[in-house]
N, C-alpha and C. Protein backbone atom coordinates (compact mmCIF):
# COMPACT_ATOMS: atom_id res chain seq x y z
N MET A 1 -3.00 2.82 -3.31
CA MET A 1 -3.04 4.25 -3.17
C MET A 1 -1.72 4.81 -3.69
N PRO A 2 -1.79 5.74 -4.65
CA PRO A 2 -0.55 6.34 -5.14
C PRO A 2 0.08 7.22 -4.07
N LEU A 3 1.38 7.31 -4.12
CA LEU A 3 2.11 8.17 -3.20
C LEU A 3 2.57 9.41 -3.94
N LYS A 4 2.71 10.51 -3.23
CA LYS A 4 3.21 11.74 -3.82
C LYS A 4 4.42 12.18 -3.03
N PHE A 5 5.50 12.45 -3.75
CA PHE A 5 6.72 12.94 -3.13
C PHE A 5 7.07 14.28 -3.76
N ASP A 6 7.46 15.22 -2.95
CA ASP A 6 7.98 16.49 -3.45
C ASP A 6 9.49 16.41 -3.36
N LEU A 7 10.13 16.30 -4.53
CA LEU A 7 11.58 16.20 -4.58
C LEU A 7 12.12 17.27 -5.51
N PRO A 8 13.27 17.82 -5.17
CA PRO A 8 13.86 18.81 -6.07
C PRO A 8 14.34 18.13 -7.35
N ILE A 9 13.99 18.72 -8.47
CA ILE A 9 14.37 18.15 -9.76
C ILE A 9 15.12 19.22 -10.54
N GLU A 10 16.10 18.79 -11.30
CA GLU A 10 16.94 19.72 -12.02
C GLU A 10 17.14 19.20 -13.44
N GLN A 11 17.07 20.12 -14.40
CA GLN A 11 17.31 19.73 -15.79
C GLN A 11 18.80 19.84 -16.09
N THR A 12 19.35 18.80 -16.68
CA THR A 12 20.78 18.80 -17.01
C THR A 12 21.00 19.52 -18.35
N SER A 13 22.24 19.71 -18.69
CA SER A 13 22.58 20.42 -19.93
C SER A 13 22.13 19.66 -21.18
N ASN A 14 21.98 18.34 -21.07
CA ASN A 14 21.52 17.57 -22.24
C ASN A 14 20.00 17.38 -22.26
N GLY A 15 19.29 18.09 -21.40
CA GLY A 15 17.82 18.08 -21.43
C GLY A 15 17.17 17.02 -20.57
N GLU A 16 17.95 16.17 -19.93
CA GLU A 16 17.38 15.15 -19.05
C GLU A 16 17.11 15.76 -17.68
N PHE A 17 16.31 15.08 -16.90
CA PHE A 17 15.99 15.56 -15.56
C PHE A 17 16.63 14.64 -14.53
N GLU A 18 17.13 15.23 -13.47
CA GLU A 18 17.71 14.46 -12.36
C GLU A 18 17.02 14.87 -11.08
N ILE A 19 16.72 13.89 -10.27
CA ILE A 19 16.16 14.17 -8.95
C ILE A 19 17.32 14.37 -8.00
N GLN A 20 17.32 15.48 -7.31
CA GLN A 20 18.38 15.80 -6.36
C GLN A 20 17.98 15.26 -4.99
N THR A 21 18.78 14.37 -4.45
CA THR A 21 18.49 13.80 -3.13
C THR A 21 19.70 14.00 -2.23
N PRO A 22 19.46 14.07 -0.95
CA PRO A 22 20.59 14.18 -0.02
C PRO A 22 21.44 12.90 -0.07
N PRO A 23 22.71 13.00 0.29
CA PRO A 23 23.56 11.80 0.32
C PRO A 23 22.95 10.74 1.24
N GLY A 24 23.01 9.50 0.79
CA GLY A 24 22.49 8.41 1.61
C GLY A 24 21.03 8.09 1.38
N VAL A 25 20.34 8.88 0.57
CA VAL A 25 18.92 8.61 0.29
C VAL A 25 18.85 7.86 -1.03
N SER A 26 18.26 6.69 -0.99
CA SER A 26 18.12 5.89 -2.20
C SER A 26 16.68 5.92 -2.66
N LEU A 27 16.47 6.35 -3.90
CA LEU A 27 15.11 6.35 -4.44
C LEU A 27 14.62 4.94 -4.72
N ASN A 28 15.51 3.96 -4.72
CA ASN A 28 15.11 2.59 -4.99
C ASN A 28 14.25 2.00 -3.89
N VAL A 29 14.30 2.55 -2.69
CA VAL A 29 13.50 1.99 -1.60
C VAL A 29 12.33 2.90 -1.24
N MET A 30 12.09 3.96 -2.00
CA MET A 30 10.93 4.80 -1.74
C MET A 30 9.71 4.09 -2.30
N ALA A 31 8.92 3.56 -1.43
CA ALA A 31 7.76 2.79 -1.86
C ALA A 31 6.74 2.76 -0.75
N ASN A 32 5.53 2.48 -1.12
CA ASN A 32 4.48 2.30 -0.14
C ASN A 32 4.68 0.91 0.45
N VAL A 33 5.02 0.83 1.73
CA VAL A 33 5.33 -0.47 2.32
C VAL A 33 4.09 -1.20 2.80
N ASP A 34 2.94 -0.56 2.74
CA ASP A 34 1.71 -1.25 3.11
C ASP A 34 1.23 -2.07 1.93
N PRO A 35 0.94 -3.35 2.14
CA PRO A 35 0.40 -4.14 1.04
C PRO A 35 -1.00 -3.67 0.72
N ALA A 36 -1.52 -4.07 -0.42
CA ALA A 36 -2.90 -3.77 -0.76
C ALA A 36 -3.79 -4.16 0.43
N TRP A 37 -4.82 -3.37 0.69
CA TRP A 37 -5.64 -3.56 1.90
C TRP A 37 -6.19 -4.96 2.02
N PHE A 38 -6.42 -5.62 0.91
CA PHE A 38 -7.08 -6.92 0.98
C PHE A 38 -6.12 -8.10 1.09
N VAL A 39 -4.81 -7.88 1.07
CA VAL A 39 -3.88 -9.01 1.13
C VAL A 39 -4.02 -9.74 2.45
N ASP A 40 -4.04 -9.03 3.56
CA ASP A 40 -4.33 -9.64 4.87
C ASP A 40 -5.83 -9.49 5.08
N TYR A 41 -6.58 -10.22 4.29
CA TYR A 41 -8.03 -10.03 4.20
C TYR A 41 -8.73 -10.21 5.54
N ASP A 42 -8.29 -11.19 6.32
CA ASP A 42 -8.96 -11.45 7.60
C ASP A 42 -8.38 -10.62 8.75
N GLU A 43 -7.41 -9.76 8.42
CA GLU A 43 -6.82 -8.81 9.37
C GLU A 43 -6.28 -9.48 10.65
N ASN A 44 -5.65 -10.64 10.48
CA ASN A 44 -5.08 -11.31 11.66
C ASN A 44 -3.57 -11.09 11.77
N GLY A 45 -3.02 -10.23 10.92
CA GLY A 45 -1.60 -9.93 10.97
C GLY A 45 -0.73 -10.91 10.22
N ALA A 46 -1.32 -11.91 9.59
CA ALA A 46 -0.56 -12.88 8.81
C ALA A 46 -1.14 -12.96 7.40
N ILE A 47 -0.27 -13.09 6.43
CA ILE A 47 -0.71 -13.30 5.05
C ILE A 47 -0.57 -14.79 4.77
N ASP A 48 -1.70 -15.47 4.71
CA ASP A 48 -1.67 -16.92 4.56
C ASP A 48 -2.94 -17.40 3.85
N ALA A 49 -3.13 -18.71 3.78
CA ALA A 49 -4.25 -19.31 3.05
C ALA A 49 -5.61 -18.90 3.61
N THR A 50 -5.68 -18.55 4.88
CA THR A 50 -6.99 -18.16 5.43
C THR A 50 -7.49 -16.86 4.80
N ASP A 51 -6.58 -16.02 4.33
CA ASP A 51 -7.00 -14.79 3.65
C ASP A 51 -7.75 -15.12 2.37
N ARG A 52 -7.19 -16.02 1.58
CA ARG A 52 -7.83 -16.40 0.31
C ARG A 52 -9.14 -17.13 0.59
N ASN A 53 -9.14 -18.01 1.57
CA ASN A 53 -10.38 -18.72 1.90
C ASN A 53 -11.47 -17.75 2.34
N SER A 54 -11.10 -16.75 3.10
CA SER A 54 -12.08 -15.76 3.58
C SER A 54 -12.65 -14.93 2.45
N ILE A 55 -11.79 -14.52 1.52
CA ILE A 55 -12.32 -13.72 0.42
C ILE A 55 -13.18 -14.56 -0.51
N ILE A 56 -12.84 -15.83 -0.66
CA ILE A 56 -13.66 -16.71 -1.50
C ILE A 56 -15.06 -16.82 -0.91
N LEU A 57 -15.16 -16.96 0.40
CA LEU A 57 -16.48 -17.04 1.04
C LEU A 57 -17.28 -15.76 0.84
N ASP A 58 -16.65 -14.61 1.08
CA ASP A 58 -17.35 -13.33 0.89
C ASP A 58 -17.69 -13.10 -0.57
N HIS A 59 -16.82 -13.51 -1.47
CA HIS A 59 -17.05 -13.37 -2.90
C HIS A 59 -18.27 -14.19 -3.32
N ALA A 60 -18.38 -15.40 -2.78
CA ALA A 60 -19.54 -16.25 -3.09
C ALA A 60 -20.84 -15.61 -2.62
N LEU A 61 -20.75 -14.83 -1.55
CA LEU A 61 -21.93 -14.10 -1.05
C LEU A 61 -22.11 -12.76 -1.77
N GLN A 62 -21.26 -12.48 -2.74
CA GLN A 62 -21.30 -11.26 -3.56
C GLN A 62 -21.26 -9.99 -2.71
N ARG A 63 -20.37 -10.00 -1.73
CA ARG A 63 -20.15 -8.79 -0.94
C ARG A 63 -19.51 -7.75 -1.86
N SER A 64 -20.01 -6.54 -1.84
CA SER A 64 -19.61 -5.53 -2.83
C SER A 64 -18.11 -5.30 -2.89
N TRP A 65 -17.44 -5.34 -1.75
CA TRP A 65 -16.00 -5.06 -1.73
C TRP A 65 -15.16 -6.16 -2.35
N THR A 66 -15.77 -7.30 -2.67
CA THR A 66 -15.00 -8.38 -3.29
C THR A 66 -15.03 -8.33 -4.82
N ASP A 67 -15.72 -7.34 -5.38
CA ASP A 67 -15.67 -7.10 -6.82
C ASP A 67 -14.43 -6.25 -7.07
N LEU A 68 -13.27 -6.90 -7.03
CA LEU A 68 -11.99 -6.19 -7.00
C LEU A 68 -11.67 -5.44 -8.28
N ASN A 69 -12.23 -5.85 -9.40
CA ASN A 69 -11.96 -5.11 -10.63
C ASN A 69 -13.08 -4.12 -10.96
N GLY A 70 -14.09 -4.06 -10.11
CA GLY A 70 -15.13 -3.05 -10.23
C GLY A 70 -16.01 -3.16 -11.47
N ASP A 71 -16.13 -4.37 -12.02
CA ASP A 71 -16.94 -4.50 -13.24
C ASP A 71 -18.39 -4.90 -12.97
N GLY A 72 -18.76 -5.01 -11.68
CA GLY A 72 -20.13 -5.36 -11.34
C GLY A 72 -20.43 -6.86 -11.40
N LEU A 73 -19.42 -7.64 -11.75
CA LEU A 73 -19.59 -9.09 -11.82
C LEU A 73 -18.76 -9.74 -10.73
N PHE A 74 -19.26 -10.82 -10.21
CA PHE A 74 -18.53 -11.59 -9.20
C PHE A 74 -18.07 -12.88 -9.89
N ASN A 75 -16.86 -12.83 -10.42
CA ASN A 75 -16.37 -13.98 -11.18
C ASN A 75 -14.89 -14.22 -10.87
N SER A 76 -14.30 -15.13 -11.62
CA SER A 76 -12.92 -15.52 -11.34
C SER A 76 -11.93 -14.37 -11.56
N ALA A 77 -12.30 -13.37 -12.34
CA ALA A 77 -11.39 -12.23 -12.56
C ALA A 77 -11.08 -11.52 -11.25
N ASP A 78 -12.06 -11.48 -10.34
CA ASP A 78 -11.83 -10.84 -9.04
C ASP A 78 -10.81 -11.63 -8.22
N LEU A 79 -10.95 -12.94 -8.22
CA LEU A 79 -10.02 -13.78 -7.46
C LEU A 79 -8.64 -13.80 -8.10
N GLN A 80 -8.59 -13.71 -9.43
CA GLN A 80 -7.30 -13.61 -10.10
C GLN A 80 -6.60 -12.30 -9.72
N ARG A 81 -7.38 -11.23 -9.59
CA ARG A 81 -6.79 -9.96 -9.16
C ARG A 81 -6.29 -10.08 -7.73
N PHE A 82 -7.06 -10.73 -6.86
CA PHE A 82 -6.63 -10.93 -5.49
C PHE A 82 -5.29 -11.67 -5.46
N ASP A 83 -5.22 -12.77 -6.22
CA ASP A 83 -3.99 -13.57 -6.25
C ASP A 83 -2.82 -12.76 -6.82
N GLY A 84 -3.04 -12.05 -7.91
CA GLY A 84 -1.97 -11.28 -8.53
C GLY A 84 -1.50 -10.14 -7.66
N ASP A 85 -2.44 -9.39 -7.09
CA ASP A 85 -2.06 -8.26 -6.23
C ASP A 85 -1.42 -8.75 -4.93
N SER A 86 -1.87 -9.89 -4.44
CA SER A 86 -1.25 -10.46 -3.24
C SER A 86 0.19 -10.84 -3.52
N ALA A 87 0.42 -11.49 -4.67
CA ALA A 87 1.79 -11.89 -5.03
C ALA A 87 2.68 -10.66 -5.18
N LYS A 88 2.17 -9.60 -5.80
CA LYS A 88 2.96 -8.37 -5.97
C LYS A 88 3.27 -7.74 -4.62
N ALA A 89 2.27 -7.68 -3.74
CA ALA A 89 2.49 -7.07 -2.42
C ALA A 89 3.50 -7.86 -1.61
N ILE A 90 3.42 -9.17 -1.65
CA ILE A 90 4.36 -10.01 -0.91
C ILE A 90 5.77 -9.83 -1.48
N ALA A 91 5.90 -9.78 -2.80
CA ALA A 91 7.21 -9.59 -3.42
C ALA A 91 7.76 -8.21 -3.06
N ARG A 92 6.92 -7.19 -3.05
CA ARG A 92 7.37 -5.84 -2.70
C ARG A 92 7.84 -5.80 -1.25
N LEU A 93 7.09 -6.43 -0.36
CA LEU A 93 7.49 -6.46 1.05
C LEU A 93 8.80 -7.22 1.23
N ALA A 94 8.96 -8.33 0.53
CA ALA A 94 10.20 -9.10 0.63
C ALA A 94 11.38 -8.28 0.12
N TYR A 95 11.18 -7.55 -0.96
CA TYR A 95 12.25 -6.70 -1.49
C TYR A 95 12.64 -5.62 -0.47
N LEU A 96 11.64 -4.97 0.10
CA LEU A 96 11.93 -3.91 1.05
C LEU A 96 12.64 -4.44 2.29
N VAL A 97 12.25 -5.61 2.76
CA VAL A 97 12.94 -6.23 3.89
C VAL A 97 14.39 -6.51 3.50
N ALA A 98 14.61 -7.01 2.30
CA ALA A 98 15.97 -7.30 1.85
C ALA A 98 16.81 -6.01 1.74
N GLN A 99 16.15 -4.88 1.50
CA GLN A 99 16.84 -3.59 1.42
C GLN A 99 17.03 -2.95 2.80
N GLY A 100 16.50 -3.60 3.83
CA GLY A 100 16.66 -3.08 5.18
C GLY A 100 15.55 -2.13 5.62
N VAL A 101 14.49 -2.01 4.82
CA VAL A 101 13.36 -1.15 5.20
C VAL A 101 12.47 -1.93 6.15
N GLN A 102 12.15 -1.31 7.27
CA GLN A 102 11.30 -2.01 8.23
C GLN A 102 10.00 -1.31 8.42
């Protein structure tokens, strides 16, 4: 889900734009801290191998929500998207934790 922020923006004398933020606000940590909805697929509060095993089972049953790329096919592309988006979400969460975002 995309996020929308209303931030004051100002054009500089050389034509570039700068976002004006209060002191102490870092735009580097402004991010959606929720992982993709399907990363914790079994909703047990842990991101682990049971999530992938659970989606594989539902995917084999061709449950509509497991067609992650929305192409109407239930194939390896859906599981590749699950793996890729899971890796991105985990990396994003690890980065935010390292930045002190809780």
